[in-house]
Amino acid sequence: MAMAALREASRRLRACRREYPAAIARPLLLTHCRGITYRLFVGGLSQFATEDSLAEAFSQYGQVLEATVVTDKMTNRPKGFGFVKFASEEEANIAREEMNGKASFKCILSLD
């Protein structure tokens, strides 16, 4: 089963390279080819939250593709919410269940 999944991922990577020859093979590229990512809305963030700290907090539950903290355009300070993008639905669901209510986090799963 695992070998079949590895072959399928390799086939998709080759297809992506043909479609985007200048692109560098990254996990994000595989996700882009699939067309589906799983994004969590994270509310209740501290004013000192950064994208690195947000990614680090959620990385224990799976592969974090991207972490974004939304900032105010005028003051460049965090608005108190952000988004974390995962490669799989299982990882996103586990992170949502574990982090919801912890340290003022509020997580909502959405498809991107």
PDB file of N, CA and C in Angstrom:
ATOM      1  N   MET A   1       0.823  -1.196   0.000  1.00  0.00           N
ATOM      2  CA  MET A   1       0.000   0.000   0.000  1.00  0.00           C
ATOM      3  C   MET A   1       0.868   1.262   0.000  1.00  0.00           C
ATOM      4  N   ALA A   2       1.891   1.277   0.863  1.00  0.00           N
ATOM      5  CA  ALA A   2       2.760   2.441   0.942  1.00  0.00           C
ATOM      6  C   ALA A   2       3.567   2.601  -0.342  1.00  0.00           C
ATOM      7  N   MET A   3       3.960   1.481  -0.928  1.00  0.00           N
ATOM      8  CA  MET A   3       4.736   1.546  -2.163  1.00  0.00           C
ATOM      9  C   MET A   3       3.885   2.095  -3.311  1.00  0.00           C
ATOM     10  N   ALA A   4       2.614   1.705  -3.341  1.00  0.00           N
ATOM     11  CA  ALA A   4       1.713   2.218  -4.376  1.00  0.00           C
ATOM     12  C   ALA A   4       1.525   3.725  -4.227  1.00  0.00           C
ATOM     13  N   ALA A   5       1.404   4.185  -2.999  1.00  0.00           N
ATOM     14  CA  ALA A   5       1.258   5.623  -2.752  1.00  0.00           C
ATOM     15  C   ALA A   5       2.511   6.375  -3.176  1.00  0.00           C
ATOM     16  N   LEU A   6       3.684   5.767  -2.925  1.00  0.00           N
ATOM     17  CA  LEU A   6       4.937   6.389  -3.320  1.00  0.00           C
ATOM     18  C   LEU A   6       5.048   6.467  -4.844  1.00  0.00           C
ATOM     19  N   ARG A   7       4.642   5.400  -5.535  1.00  0.00           N
ATOM     20  CA  ARG A   7       4.656   5.418  -6.999  1.00  0.00           C
ATOM     21  C   ARG A   7       3.719   6.494  -7.548  1.00  0.00           C
ATOM     22  N   GLU A   8       2.539   6.615  -6.935  1.00  0.00           N
ATOM     23  CA  GLU A   8       1.564   7.616  -7.383  1.00  0.00           C
ATOM     24  C   GLU A   8       2.111   9.028  -7.179  1.00  0.00           C
ATOM     25  N   ALA A   9       2.744   9.278  -6.041  1.00  0.00           N
ATOM     26  CA  ALA A   9       3.336  10.592  -5.775  1.00  0.00           C
ATOM     27  C   ALA A   9       4.452  10.886  -6.770  1.00  0.00           C
ATOM     28  N   SER A  10       5.248   9.864  -7.088  1.00  0.00           N
ATOM     29  CA  SER A  10       6.320  10.037  -8.054  1.00  0.00           C
ATOM     30  C   SER A  10       5.751  10.348  -9.447  1.00  0.00           C
ATOM     31  N   ARG A  11       4.681   9.665  -9.821  1.00  0.00           N
ATOM     32  CA  ARG A  11       4.042   9.918 -11.117  1.00  0.00           C
ATOM     33  C   ARG A  11       3.515  11.345 -11.181  1.00  0.00           C
ATOM     34  N   ARG A  12       2.901  11.806 -10.104  1.00  0.00           N
ATOM     35  CA  ARG A  12       2.379  13.178 -10.075  1.00  0.00           C
ATOM     36  C   ARG A  12       3.505  14.199 -10.156  1.00  0.00           C
ATOM     37  N   LEU A  13       4.615  13.899  -9.492  1.00  0.00           N
ATOM     38  CA  LEU A  13       5.752  14.805  -9.525  1.00  0.00           C
ATOM     39  C   LEU A  13       6.308  14.923 -10.937  1.00  0.00           C
ATOM     40  N   ARG A  14       6.422  13.796 -11.648  1.00  0.00           N
ATOM     41  CA  ARG A  14       6.888  13.842 -13.033  1.00  0.00           C
ATOM     42  C   ARG A  14       5.923  14.650 -13.902  1.00  0.00           C
ATOM     43  N   ALA A  15       4.616  14.474 -13.675  1.00  0.00           N
ATOM     44  CA  ALA A  15       3.621  15.223 -14.445  1.00  0.00           C
ATOM     45  C   ALA A  15       3.754  16.717 -14.162  1.00  0.00           C
ATOM     46  N   CYS A  16       4.008  17.071 -12.911  1.00  0.00           N
ATOM     47  CA  CYS A  16       4.173  18.486 -12.551  1.00  0.00           C
ATOM     48  C   CYS A  16       5.422  19.068 -13.199  1.00  0.00           C
ATOM     49  N   ARG A  17       6.483  18.264 -13.250  1.00  0.00           N
ATOM     50  CA  ARG A  17       7.721  18.758 -13.865  1.00  0.00           C
ATOM     51  C   ARG A  17       7.524  19.024 -15.349  1.00  0.00           C
ATOM     52  N   ARG A  18       6.716  18.165 -16.002  1.00  0.00           N
ATOM     53  CA  ARG A  18       6.442  18.397 -17.417  1.00  0.00           C
ATOM     54  C   ARG A  18       5.597  19.654 -17.596  1.00  0.00           C
ATOM     55  N   GLU A  19       4.640  19.853 -16.690  1.00  0.00           N
ATOM     56  CA  GLU A  19       3.744  20.995 -16.804  1.00  0.00           C
ATOM     57  C   GLU A  19       4.436  22.297 -16.397  1.00  0.00           C
ATOM     58  N   TYR A  20       5.279  22.230 -15.359  1.00  0.00           N
ATOM     59  CA  TYR A  20       5.999  23.400 -14.856  1.00  0.00           C
ATOM     60  C   TYR A  20       7.494  23.079 -14.829  1.00  0.00           C
ATOM     61  N   PRO A  21       8.189  23.107 -15.960  1.00  0.00           N
ATOM     62  CA  PRO A  21       9.593  22.675 -15.996  1.00  0.00           C
ATOM     63  C   PRO A  21      10.525  23.538 -15.156  1.00  0.00           C
ATOM     64  N   ALA A  22      10.213  24.800 -14.958  1.00  0.00           N
ATOM     65  CA  ALA A  22      11.100  25.670 -14.196  1.00  0.00           C
ATOM     66  C   ALA A  22      10.886  25.534 -12.691  1.00  0.00           C
ATOM     67  N   ALA A  23       9.826  24.857 -12.298  1.00  0.00           N
ATOM     68  CA  ALA A  23       9.507  24.750 -10.869  1.00  0.00           C
ATOM     69  C   ALA A  23      10.435  23.758 -10.184  1.00  0.00           C
ATOM     70  N   ILE A  24      10.739  24.035  -8.957  1.00  0.00           N
ATOM     71  CA  ILE A  24      11.548  23.139  -8.141  1.00  0.00           C
ATOM     72  C   ILE A  24      10.598  22.183  -7.438  1.00  0.00           C
ATOM     73  N   ALA A  25      10.937  20.909  -7.398  1.00  0.00           N
ATOM     74  CA  ALA A  25      10.071  19.899  -6.766  1.00  0.00           C
ATOM     75  C   ALA A  25      10.055  20.116  -5.262  1.00  0.00           C
ATOM     76  N   ARG A  26       8.897  20.448  -4.749  1.00  0.00           N
ATOM     77  CA  ARG A  26       8.693  20.655  -3.319  1.00  0.00           C
ATOM     78  C   ARG A  26       7.380  20.002  -2.934  1.00  0.00           C
ATOM     79  N   PRO A  27       7.163  19.719  -1.645  1.00  0.00           N
ATOM     80  CA  PRO A  27       5.872  19.176  -1.237  1.00  0.00           C
ATOM     81  C   PRO A  27       4.720  20.107  -1.611  1.00  0.00           C
ATOM     82  N   LEU A  28       4.959  21.413  -1.584  1.00  0.00           N
ATOM     83  CA  LEU A  28       3.921  22.362  -1.953  1.00  0.00           C
ATOM     84  C   LEU A  28       3.519  22.183  -3.414  1.00  0.00           C
ATOM     85  N   LEU A  29       4.477  21.847  -4.257  1.00  0.00           N
ATOM     86  CA  LEU A  29       4.199  21.625  -5.665  1.00  0.00           C
ATOM     87  C   LEU A  29       3.300  20.411  -5.846  1.00  0.00           C
ATOM     88  N   LEU A  30       3.546  19.340  -5.091  1.00  0.00           N
ATOM     89  CA  LEU A  30       2.678  18.167  -5.152  1.00  0.00           C
ATOM     90  C   LEU A  30       1.256  18.530  -4.744  1.00  0.00           C
ATOM     91  N   THR A  31       1.127  19.311  -3.715  1.00  0.00           N
ATOM     92  CA  THR A  31      -0.185  19.728  -3.257  1.00  0.00           C
ATOM     93  C   THR A  31      -0.859  20.600  -4.301  1.00  0.00           C
ATOM     94  N   HIS A  32      -0.093  21.465  -4.941  1.00  0.00           N
ATOM     95  CA  HIS A  32      -0.650  22.332  -5.967  1.00  0.00           C
ATOM     96  C   HIS A  32      -1.197  21.508  -7.126  1.00  0.00           C
ATOM     97  N   CYS A  33      -0.497  20.465  -7.507  1.00  0.00           N
ATOM     98  CA  CYS A  33      -0.950  19.614  -8.608  1.00  0.00           C
ATOM     99  C   CYS A  33      -2.231  18.875  -8.240  1.00  0.00           C
ATOM    100  N   ARG A  34      -2.343  18.484  -6.985  1.00  0.00           N
ATOM    101  CA  ARG A  34      -3.561  17.818  -6.540  1.00  0.00           C
ATOM    102  C   ARG A  34      -4.729  18.779  -6.561  1.00  0.00           C
ATOM    103  N   GLY A  35      -4.447  20.047  -6.287  1.00  0.00           N
ATOM    104  CA  GLY A  35      -5.496  21.048  -6.328  1.00  0.00           C
ATOM    105  C   GLY A  35      -6.237  21.234  -5.019  1.00  0.00           C
ATOM    106  N   ILE A  36      -5.917  20.448  -4.008  1.00  0.00           N
ATOM    107  CA  ILE A  36      -6.626  20.551  -2.734  1.00  0.00           C
ATOM    108  C   ILE A  36      -5.607  20.719  -1.623  1.00  0.00           C
ATOM    109  N   THR A  37      -5.832  21.701  -0.776  1.00  0.00           N
ATOM    110  CA  THR A  37      -5.076  21.839   0.457  1.00  0.00           C
ATOM    111  C   THR A  37      -6.082  22.008   1.572  1.00  0.00           C
ATOM    112  N   TYR A  38      -5.656  21.761   2.769  1.00  0.00           N
ATOM    113  CA  TYR A  38      -6.547  21.848   3.921  1.00  0.00           C
ATOM    114  C   TYR A  38      -6.025  22.947   4.821  1.00  0.00           C
ATOM    115  N   ARG A  39      -6.853  23.954   5.004  1.00  0.00           N
ATOM    116  CA  ARG A  39      -6.447  25.153   5.704  1.00  0.00           C
ATOM    117  C   ARG A  39      -7.261  25.310   6.978  1.00  0.00           C
ATOM    118  N   LEU A  40      -6.583  25.639   8.052  1.00  0.00           N
ATOM    119  CA  LEU A  40      -7.233  25.919   9.323  1.00  0.00           C
ATOM    120  C   LEU A  40      -7.232  27.420   9.562  1.00  0.00           C
ATOM    121  N   PHE A  41      -8.371  27.933   9.968  1.00  0.00           N
ATOM    122  CA  PHE A  41      -8.439  29.309  10.464  1.00  0.00           C
ATOM    123  C   PHE A  41      -8.071  29.236  11.931  1.00  0.00           C
ATOM    124  N   VAL A  42      -7.145  30.074  12.363  1.00  0.00           N
ATOM    125  CA  VAL A  42      -6.704  30.081  13.750  1.00  0.00           C
ATOM    126  C   VAL A  42      -6.989  31.453  14.334  1.00  0.00           C
ATOM    127  N   GLY A  43      -7.864  31.489  15.329  1.00  0.00           N
ATOM    128  CA  GLY A  43      -8.210  32.746  15.982  1.00  0.00           C
ATOM    129  C   GLY A  43      -7.635  32.799  17.383  1.00  0.00           C
ATOM    130  N   GLY A  44      -7.635  33.951  17.975  1.00  0.00           N
ATOM    131  CA  GLY A  44      -7.163  34.119  19.345  1.00  0.00           C
ATOM    132  C   GLY A  44      -5.651  34.167  19.460  1.00  0.00           C
ATOM    133  N   LEU A  45      -4.977  34.625  18.410  1.00  0.00           N
ATOM    134  CA  LEU A  45      -3.520  34.699  18.450  1.00  0.00           C
ATOM    135  C   LEU A  45      -3.050  35.914  19.242  1.00  0.00           C
ATOM    136  N   SER A  46      -1.890  35.799  19.815  1.00  0.00           N
ATOM    137  CA  SER A  46      -1.272  36.884  20.557  1.00  0.00           C
ATOM    138  C   SER A  46      -0.816  37.978  19.605  1.00  0.00           C
ATOM    139  N   GLN A  47      -0.640  39.169  20.133  1.00  0.00           N
ATOM    140  CA  GLN A  47      -0.130  40.258  19.303  1.00  0.00           C
ATOM    141  C   GLN A  47       1.338  40.034  18.949  1.00  0.00           C
ATOM    142  N   PHE A  48       1.976  39.081  19.618  1.00  0.00           N
ATOM    143  CA  PHE A  48       3.377  38.775  19.360  1.00  0.00           C
ATOM    144  C   PHE A  48       3.546  37.545  18.473  1.00  0.00           C
ATOM    145  N   ALA A  49       2.442  37.011  17.951  1.00  0.00           N
ATOM    146  CA  ALA A  49       2.498  35.814  17.113  1.00  0.00           C
ATOM    147  C   ALA A  49       3.205  36.105  15.794  1.00  0.00           C
ATOM    148  N   THR A  50       4.003  35.142  15.352  1.00  0.00           N
ATOM    149  CA  THR A  50       4.676  35.240  14.060  1.00  0.00           C
ATOM    150  C   THR A  50       4.319  34.008  13.242  1.00  0.00           C
ATOM    151  N   GLU A  51       4.623  34.072  11.961  1.00  0.00           N
ATOM    152  CA  GLU A  51       4.349  32.924  11.097  1.00  0.00           C
ATOM    153  C   GLU A  51       5.188  31.721  11.502  1.00  0.00           C
ATOM    154  N   ASP A  52       6.412  31.967  11.942  1.00  0.00           N
ATOM    155  CA  ASP A  52       7.281  30.869  12.386  1.00  0.00           C
ATOM    156  C   ASP A  52       6.743  30.208  13.652  1.00  0.00           C
ATOM    157  N   SER A  53       6.304  31.017  14.602  1.00  0.00           N
ATOM    158  CA  SER A  53       5.779  30.442  15.846  1.00  0.00           C
ATOM    159  C   SER A  53       4.469  29.690  15.602  1.00  0.00           C
ATOM    160  N   LEU A  54       3.653  30.175  14.680  1.00  0.00           N
ATOM    161  CA  LEU A  54       2.406  29.505  14.337  1.00  0.00           C
ATOM    162  C   LEU A  54       2.693  28.166  13.649  1.00  0.00           C
ATOM    163  N   ALA A  55       3.629  28.162  12.714  1.00  0.00           N
ATOM    164  CA  ALA A  55       4.012  26.919  12.037  1.00  0.00           C
ATOM    165  C   ALA A  55       4.608  25.925  13.019  1.00  0.00           C
ATOM    166  N   GLU A  56       5.413  26.407  13.936  1.00  0.00           N
ATOM    167  CA  GLU A  56       6.030  25.525  14.925  1.00  0.00           C
ATOM    168  C   GLU A  56       4.990  24.915  15.857  1.00  0.00           C
ATOM    169  N   ALA A  57       3.999  25.692  16.244  1.00  0.00           N
ATOM    170  CA  ALA A  57       2.959  25.190  17.144  1.00  0.00           C
ATOM    171  C   ALA A  57       2.136  24.080  16.493  1.00  0.00           C
ATOM    172  N   PHE A  58       1.907  24.167  15.178  1.00  0.00           N
ATOM    173  CA  PHE A  58       1.065  23.193  14.486  1.00  0.00           C
ATOM    174  C   PHE A  58       1.858  22.082  13.812  1.00  0.00           C
ATOM    175  N   SER A  59       3.164  22.205  13.717  1.00  0.00           N
ATOM    176  CA  SER A  59       3.964  21.215  13.003  1.00  0.00           C
ATOM    177  C   SER A  59       4.003  19.861  13.693  1.00  0.00           C
ATOM    178  N   GLN A  60       3.706  19.808  14.965  1.00  0.00           N
ATOM    179  CA  GLN A  60       3.705  18.519  15.666  1.00  0.00           C
ATOM    180  C   GLN A  60       2.545  17.629  15.239  1.00  0.00           C
ATOM    181  N   TYR A  61       1.577  18.181  14.520  1.00  0.00           N
ATOM    182  CA  TYR A  61       0.407  17.407  14.096  1.00  0.00           C
ATOM    183  C   TYR A  61       0.457  17.016  12.620  1.00  0.00           C
ATOM    184  N   GLY A  62       1.452  17.461  11.895  1.00  0.00           N
ATOM    185  CA  GLY A  62       1.566  17.097  10.493  1.00  0.00           C
ATOM    186  C   GLY A  62       2.436  18.081   9.730  1.00  0.00           C
ATOM    187  N   GLN A  63       2.512  17.880   8.426  1.00  0.00           N
ATOM    188  CA  GLN A  63       3.334  18.722   7.567  1.00  0.00           C
ATOM    189  C   GLN A  63       2.631  20.049   7.303  1.00  0.00           C
ATOM    190  N   VAL A  64       3.176  21.115   7.850  1.00  0.00           N
ATOM    191  CA  VAL A  64       2.641  22.456   7.647  1.00  0.00           C
ATOM    192  C   VAL A  64       3.252  23.009   6.367  1.00  0.00           C
ATOM    193  N   LEU A  65       2.411  23.269   5.382  1.00  0.00           N
ATOM    194  CA  LEU A  65       2.886  23.810   4.116  1.00  0.00           C
ATOM    195  C   LEU A  65       3.087  25.311   4.186  1.00  0.00           C
ATOM    196  N   GLU A  66       2.207  25.971   4.939  1.00  0.00           N
ATOM    197  CA  GLU A  66       2.275  27.433   5.028  1.00  0.00           C
ATOM    198  C   GLU A  66       1.543  27.881   6.285  1.00  0.00           C
ATOM    199  N   ALA A  67       2.093  28.875   6.939  1.00  0.00           N
ATOM    200  CA  ALA A  67       1.446  29.496   8.091  1.00  0.00           C
ATOM    201  C   ALA A  67       1.440  31.002   7.843  1.00  0.00           C
ATOM    202  N   THR A  68       0.274  31.605   8.007  1.00  0.00           N
ATOM    203  CA  THR A  68       0.132  33.033   7.738  1.00  0.00           C
ATOM    204  C   THR A  68      -0.537  33.710   8.922  1.00  0.00           C
ATOM    205  N   VAL A  69       0.045  34.788   9.385  1.00  0.00           N
ATOM    206  CA  VAL A  69      -0.557  35.621  10.421  1.00  0.00           C
ATOM    207  C   VAL A  69      -1.028  36.891   9.732  1.00  0.00           C
ATOM    208  N   VAL A  70      -2.303  37.200   9.850  1.00  0.00           N
ATOM    209  CA  VAL A  70      -2.865  38.382   9.200  1.00  0.00           C
ATOM    210  C   VAL A  70      -2.501  39.611  10.028  1.00  0.00           C
ATOM    211  N   THR A  71      -1.944  40.615   9.342  1.00  0.00           N
ATOM    212  CA  THR A  71      -1.506  41.825  10.032  1.00  0.00           C
ATOM    213  C   THR A  71      -2.292  43.042   9.541  1.00  0.00           C
ATOM    214  N   ASP A  72      -2.327  44.046  10.384  1.00  0.00           N
ATOM    215  CA  ASP A  72      -2.953  45.311  10.049  1.00  0.00           C
ATOM    216  C   ASP A  72      -2.028  46.065   9.093  1.00  0.00           C
ATOM    217  N   LYS A  73      -2.578  46.612   8.038  1.00  0.00           N
ATOM    218  CA  LYS A  73      -1.759  47.293   7.035  1.00  0.00           C
ATOM    219  C   LYS A  73      -1.138  48.585   7.565  1.00  0.00           C
ATOM    220  N   MET A  74      -1.834  49.256   8.451  1.00  0.00           N
ATOM    221  CA  MET A  74      -1.332  50.537   8.947  1.00  0.00           C
ATOM    222  C   MET A  74      -0.244  50.364   9.996  1.00  0.00           C
ATOM    223  N   THR A  75      -0.474  49.481  10.959  1.00  0.00           N
ATOM    224  CA  THR A  75       0.468  49.332  12.071  1.00  0.00           C
ATOM    225  C   THR A  75       1.413  48.152  11.905  1.00  0.00           C
ATOM    226  N   ASN A  76       1.122  47.270  10.953  1.00  0.00           N
ATOM    227  CA  ASN A  76       1.906  46.065  10.710  1.00  0.00           C
ATOM    228  C   ASN A  76       1.939  45.135  11.931  1.00  0.00           C
ATOM    229  N   ARG A  77       0.909  45.203  12.760  1.00  0.00           N
ATOM    230  CA  ARG A  77       0.792  44.332  13.933  1.00  0.00           C
ATOM    231  C   ARG A  77      -0.234  43.237  13.640  1.00  0.00           C
ATOM    232  N   PRO A  78      -0.057  42.068  14.234  1.00  0.00           N
ATOM    233  CA  PRO A  78      -1.018  40.974  14.006  1.00  0.00           C
ATOM    234  C   PRO A  78      -2.427  41.353  14.451  1.00  0.00           C
ATOM    235  N   LYS A  79      -3.418  40.925  13.674  1.00  0.00           N
ATOM    236  CA  LYS A  79      -4.820  41.211  13.985  1.00  0.00           C
ATOM    237  C   LYS A  79      -5.421  40.198  14.950  1.00  0.00           C
ATOM    238  N   GLY A  80      -4.693  39.132  15.248  1.00  0.00           N
ATOM    239  CA  GLY A  80      -5.195  38.145  16.199  1.00  0.00           C
ATOM    240  C   GLY A  80      -5.709  36.870  15.547  1.00  0.00           C
ATOM    241  N   PHE A  81      -5.523  36.730  14.241  1.00  0.00           N
ATOM    242  CA  PHE A  81      -5.911  35.487  13.581  1.00  0.00           C
ATOM    243  C   PHE A  81      -4.966  35.200  12.419  1.00  0.00           C
ATOM    244  N   GLY A  82      -5.035  33.959  11.960  1.00  0.00           N
ATOM    245  CA  GLY A  82      -4.178  33.554  10.856  1.00  0.00           C
ATOM    246  C   GLY A  82      -4.668  32.251  10.251  1.00  0.00           C
ATOM    247  N   PHE A  83      -3.860  31.671   9.391  1.00  0.00           N
ATOM    248  CA  PHE A  83      -4.213  30.439   8.696  1.00  0.00           C
ATOM    249  C   PHE A  83      -3.015  29.505   8.682  1.00  0.00           C
ATOM    250  N   VAL A  84      -3.301  28.204   8.807  1.00  0.00           N
ATOM    251  CA  VAL A  84      -2.273  27.177   8.711  1.00  0.00           C
ATOM    252  C   VAL A  84      -2.728  26.199   7.645  1.00  0.00           C
ATOM    253  N   LYS A  85      -1.862  25.926   6.669  1.00  0.00           N
ATOM    254  CA  LYS A  85      -2.200  25.057   5.549  1.00  0.00           C
ATOM    255  C   LYS A  85      -1.485  23.717   5.718  1.00  0.00           C
ATOM    256  N   PHE A  86      -2.256  22.623   5.652  1.00  0.00           N
ATOM    257  CA  PHE A  86      -1.728  21.266   5.773  1.00  0.00           C
ATOM    258  C   PHE A  86      -1.831  20.524   4.453  1.00  0.00           C
ATOM    259  N   ALA A  87      -1.010  19.489   4.312  1.00  0.00           N
ATOM    260  CA  ALA A  87      -0.992  18.688   3.092  1.00  0.00           C
ATOM    261  C   ALA A  87      -2.137  17.702   3.032  1.00  0.00           C
ATOM    262  N   SER A  88      -2.619  17.222   4.183  1.00  0.00           N
ATOM    263  CA  SER A  88      -3.682  16.216   4.164  1.00  0.00           C
ATOM    264  C   SER A  88      -4.811  16.596   5.116  1.00  0.00           C
ATOM    265  N   GLU A  89      -5.973  16.064   4.819  1.00  0.00           N
ATOM    266  CA  GLU A  89      -7.150  16.322   5.642  1.00  0.00           C
ATOM    267  C   GLU A  89      -6.992  15.714   7.028  1.00  0.00           C
ATOM    268  N   GLU A  90      -6.376  14.536   7.111  1.00  0.00           N
ATOM    269  CA  GLU A  90      -6.185  13.874   8.397  1.00  0.00           C
ATOM    270  C   GLU A  90      -5.342  14.721   9.332  1.00  0.00           C
ATOM    271  N   GLU A  91      -4.252  15.260   8.816  1.00  0.00           N
ATOM    272  CA  GLU A  91      -3.379  16.108   9.626  1.00  0.00           C
ATOM    273  C   GLU A  91      -4.111  17.352  10.095  1.00  0.00           C
ATOM    274  N   ALA A  92      -4.872  17.960   9.207  1.00  0.00           N
ATOM    275  CA  ALA A  92      -5.617  19.169   9.566  1.00  0.00           C
ATOM    276  C   ALA A  92      -6.667  18.870  10.627  1.00  0.00           C
ATOM    277  N   ASN A  93      -7.368  17.739  10.495  1.00  0.00           N
ATOM    278  CA  ASN A  93      -8.380  17.379  11.487  1.00  0.00           C
ATOM    279  C   ASN A  93      -7.761  17.092  12.846  1.00  0.00           C
ATOM    280  N   ILE A  94      -6.639  16.398  12.861  1.00  0.00           N
ATOM    281  CA  ILE A  94      -5.958  16.107  14.126  1.00  0.00           C
ATOM    282  C   ILE A  94      -5.520  17.403  14.793  1.00  0.00           C
ATOM    283  N   ALA A  95      -4.933  18.305  14.006  1.00  0.00           N
ATOM    284  CA  ALA A  95      -4.487  19.590  14.551  1.00  0.00           C
ATOM    285  C   ALA A  95      -5.666  20.390  15.088  1.00  0.00           C
ATOM    286  N   ARG A  96      -6.780  20.392  14.354  1.00  0.00           N
ATOM    287  CA  ARG A  96      -7.960  21.131  14.797  1.00  0.00           C
ATOM    288  C   ARG A  96      -8.489  20.579  16.113  1.00  0.00           C
ATOM    289  N   GLU A  97      -8.574  19.256  16.213  1.00  0.00           N
ATOM    290  CA  GLU A  97      -9.087  18.635  17.437  1.00  0.00           C
ATOM    291  C   GLU A  97      -8.174  18.887  18.632  1.00  0.00           C
ATOM    292  N   GLU A  98      -6.862  18.802  18.392  1.00  0.00           N
ATOM    293  CA  GLU A  98      -5.914  18.965  19.495  1.00  0.00           C
ATOM    294  C   GLU A  98      -5.734  20.420  19.926  1.00  0.00           C
ATOM    295  N   MET A  99      -5.719  21.338  18.969  1.00  0.00           N
ATOM    296  CA  MET A  99      -5.416  22.728  19.291  1.00  0.00           C
ATOM    297  C   MET A  99      -6.641  23.575  19.610  1.00  0.00           C
ATOM    298  N   ASN A 100      -7.827  23.106  19.261  1.00  0.00           N
ATOM    299  CA  ASN A 100      -9.032  23.893  19.513  1.00  0.00           C
ATOM    300  C   ASN A 100      -9.223  24.093  21.009  1.00  0.00           C
ATOM    301  N   GLY A 101      -9.223  25.338  21.443  1.00  0.00           N
ATOM    302  CA  GLY A 101      -9.402  25.668  22.849  1.00  0.00           C
ATOM    303  C   GLY A 101      -8.097  25.768  23.619  1.00  0.00           C
ATOM    304  N   LYS A 102      -6.993  25.312  23.064  1.00  0.00           N
ATOM    305  CA  LYS A 102      -5.697  25.381  23.733  1.00  0.00           C
ATOM    306  C   LYS A 102      -5.070  26.740  23.523  1.00  0.00           C
ATOM    307  N   ALA A 103      -4.577  27.313  24.552  1.00  0.00           N
ATOM    308  CA  ALA A 103      -3.833  28.579  24.493  1.00  0.00           C
ATOM    309  C   ALA A 103      -4.547  29.620  23.639  1.00  0.00           C
ATOM    310  N   SER A 104      -5.859  29.701  23.814  1.00  0.00           N
ATOM    311  CA  SER A 104      -6.692  30.688  23.139  1.00  0.00           C
ATOM    312  C   SER A 104      -6.805  30.465  21.636  1.00  0.00           C
ATOM    313  N   PHE A 105      -6.488  29.272  21.155  1.00  0.00           N
ATOM    314  CA  PHE A 105      -6.643  28.983  19.727  1.00  0.00           C
ATOM    315  C   PHE A 105      -8.079  28.586  19.438  1.00  0.00           C
ATOM    316  N   LYS A 106      -8.587  29.048  18.322  1.00  0.00           N
ATOM    317  CA  LYS A 106      -9.889  28.611  17.805  1.00  0.00           C
ATOM    318  C   LYS A 106      -9.623  28.193  16.366  1.00  0.00           C
ATOM    319  N   CYS A 107      -9.866  26.918  16.057  1.00  0.00           N
ATOM    320  CA  CYS A 107      -9.522  26.388  14.745  1.00  0.00           C
ATOM    321  C   CYS A 107     -10.762  25.961  13.992  1.00  0.00           C
ATOM    322  N   ILE A 108     -10.832  26.334  12.744  1.00  0.00           N
ATOM    323  CA  ILE A 108     -11.933  25.936  11.850  1.00  0.00           C
ATOM    324  C   ILE A 108     -11.307  25.406  10.578  1.00  0.00           C
ATOM    325  N   LEU A 109     -11.726  24.213  10.160  1.00  0.00           N
ATOM    326  CA  LEU A 109     -11.175  23.592   8.964  1.00  0.00           C
ATOM    327  C   LEU A 109     -11.927  24.084   7.725  1.00  0.00           C
ATOM    328  N   SER A 110     -11.177  24.384   6.682  1.00  0.00           N
ATOM    329  CA  SER A 110     -11.798  24.741   5.405  1.00  0.00           C
ATOM    330  C   SER A 110     -10.944  24.202   4.271  1.00  0.00           C
ATOM    331  N   LEU A 111     -11.574  23.886   3.163  1.00  0.00           N
ATOM    332  CA  LEU A 111     -10.854  23.441   1.970  1.00  0.00           C
ATOM    333  C   LEU A 111     -10.422  24.655   1.197  1.00  0.00           C
ATOM    334  N   ASP A 112      -9.239  24.596   0.660  1.00  0.00           N
ATOM    335  CA  ASP A 112      -8.712  25.705  -0.119  1.00  0.00           C
ATOM    336  C   ASP A 112      -8.862  25.424  -1.585  1.00  0.00           C
TER     337      ASP A 112
END
